[in-house]
Amino acid sequence: MEHKNEVCEICLHTITNPVCVDCYIRHAESWLKDFGLNEKQVRVAIEKIKARLPKETLNAHRCILCGKGTVAVCSFCSFLRTSDVILSLCGEKAPVKAYLESSNFDLERDSR
């Protein structure tokens, strides 16, 4: 059986890291907690992040992490849609640097 390539609902590129939006949100929530935000701040930030990510998709592949959600967005678009919310809430340079390094994206190179 041939599998079709799943595409990102934002950029329409092929999704190479099949992770669902819910798992990306859980990852963002972990970072927010690592930054020392209280529960109310985390909830507000997560609502902002959810509003920036697609809620529906025509893709069929399941998430490799949870096995429940359907993949809808590529990791780069997920990072771009969530990073400004996360970074705006953190004033410390060390956690910001760690967060950016964990993304594994060279934003200077990618912006050219």
Protein backbone atom coordinates (compact mmCIF):
# COMPACT_ATOMS: atom_id res chain seq x y z
CA MET A 1 0.00 0.00 0.00
CA GLU A 2 1.42 3.37 -1.00
CA HIS A 3 1.36 6.20 1.55
CA LYS A 4 0.82 9.74 0.38
CA ASN A 5 2.98 12.48 1.80
CA GLU A 6 1.27 14.43 4.54
CA VAL A 7 1.56 18.20 4.18
CA CYS A 8 1.69 21.02 6.69
CA GLU A 9 -1.58 22.95 6.86
CA ILE A 10 0.41 26.20 7.16
CA CYS A 11 3.29 26.01 4.65
CA LEU A 12 2.12 23.02 2.54
CA HIS A 13 5.55 21.36 2.72
CA THR A 14 5.85 17.64 3.47
CA ILE A 15 5.75 16.79 7.16
CA THR A 16 8.92 14.87 8.00
CA ASN A 17 8.41 14.77 11.78
CA PRO A 18 4.90 13.35 12.24
CA VAL A 19 3.89 14.92 15.54
CA CYS A 20 0.35 16.12 16.26
CA VAL A 21 -0.62 19.61 17.40
CA ASP A 22 -1.52 18.33 20.89
CA CYS A 23 2.00 16.96 21.37
CA TYR A 24 3.53 20.23 20.14
CA ILE A 25 1.33 22.03 22.68
CA ARG A 26 2.47 19.70 25.48
CA HIS A 27 6.07 20.46 24.49
CA ALA A 28 5.39 24.22 24.62
CA GLU A 29 3.72 23.80 28.01
CA SER A 30 6.81 22.05 29.34
CA TRP A 31 8.98 24.96 28.25
CA LEU A 32 6.64 27.47 29.83
CA LYS A 33 6.81 25.59 33.13
CA ASP A 34 10.61 25.39 32.83
CA PHE A 35 10.63 29.18 32.50
CA GLY A 36 9.00 29.37 35.93
CA LEU A 37 5.57 30.63 34.91
CA ASN A 38 2.66 30.02 37.25
CA GLU A 39 -0.32 27.88 36.21
CA LYS A 40 -2.47 30.86 35.19
CA GLN A 41 0.30 32.28 32.96
CA VAL A 42 0.81 28.86 31.38
CA ARG A 43 -2.94 28.48 30.67
CA VAL A 44 -3.12 31.92 29.03
CA ALA A 45 -0.04 31.21 26.91
CA ILE A 46 -1.35 27.79 25.85
CA GLU A 47 -4.65 29.34 24.72
CA LYS A 48 -2.69 31.82 22.58
CA ILE A 49 -0.63 28.99 21.12
CA LYS A 50 -3.70 26.86 20.38
CA ALA A 51 -5.24 29.76 18.48
CA ARG A 52 -2.17 29.90 16.21
CA LEU A 53 -2.11 26.22 15.25
CA PRO A 54 -4.49 24.41 12.88
CA LYS A 55 -7.44 22.63 14.44
CA GLU A 56 -8.31 20.48 11.42
CA THR A 57 -6.40 18.64 8.73
CA LEU A 58 -6.96 16.45 5.70
CA ASN A 59 -3.94 14.33 6.67
CA ALA A 60 -4.42 10.76 7.86
CA HIS A 61 -1.17 9.77 9.58
CA ARG A 62 -1.19 9.45 13.36
CA CYS A 63 1.31 11.09 15.68
CA ILE A 64 4.42 9.05 16.40
CA LEU A 65 4.48 10.26 20.01
CA CYS A 66 0.93 9.73 21.27
CA GLY A 67 -0.56 7.65 18.44
CA LYS A 68 -3.86 9.48 18.84
CA GLY A 69 -3.69 12.82 17.07
CA THR A 70 -3.41 13.35 13.34
CA VAL A 71 -0.40 15.24 12.01
CA ALA A 72 -1.30 18.70 10.75
CA VAL A 73 1.73 20.96 10.99
CA CYS A 74 5.46 20.64 10.40
CA SER A 75 7.89 21.18 13.27
CA PHE A 76 9.22 24.42 11.76
CA CYS A 77 5.77 26.02 11.48
CA SER A 78 4.91 24.80 14.96
CA PHE A 79 8.06 26.45 16.28
CA LEU A 80 7.39 29.70 14.42
CA ARG A 81 3.77 29.85 15.60
CA THR A 82 4.61 29.13 19.25
CA SER A 83 8.05 30.62 19.84
CA ASP A 84 7.00 34.27 19.98
CA VAL A 85 4.42 33.47 22.69
CA ILE A 86 6.95 31.45 24.68
CA LEU A 87 9.81 33.91 24.28
CA SER A 88 7.69 36.95 25.14
CA LEU A 89 7.00 35.46 28.58
CA CYS A 90 10.58 34.71 29.49
CA GLY A 91 12.97 37.46 30.48
CA GLU A 92 15.99 35.32 31.33
CA LYS A 93 18.60 34.83 28.61
CA ALA A 94 19.75 31.30 29.62
CA PRO A 95 16.33 29.60 29.22
CA VAL A 96 15.72 31.49 25.98
CA LYS A 97 19.04 30.32 24.57
CA ALA A 98 18.29 26.73 25.64
CA TYR A 99 14.84 26.90 24.04
CA LEU A 100 16.18 28.24 20.74
CA GLU A 101 18.97 25.66 20.66
CA SER A 102 16.48 22.84 21.34
CA SER A 103 14.49 23.82 18.26
CA ASN A 104 17.39 22.75 16.06
CA PHE A 105 16.56 25.51 13.56
CA ASP A 106 19.14 27.97 12.29
CA LEU A 107 16.80 30.96 12.13
CA GLU A 108 19.46 33.26 10.70
CA ARG A 109 20.14 30.86 7.85
CA ASP A 110 16.43 30.10 7.31
CA SER A 111 15.49 33.77 7.05
CA ARG A 112 17.66 34.34 4.00
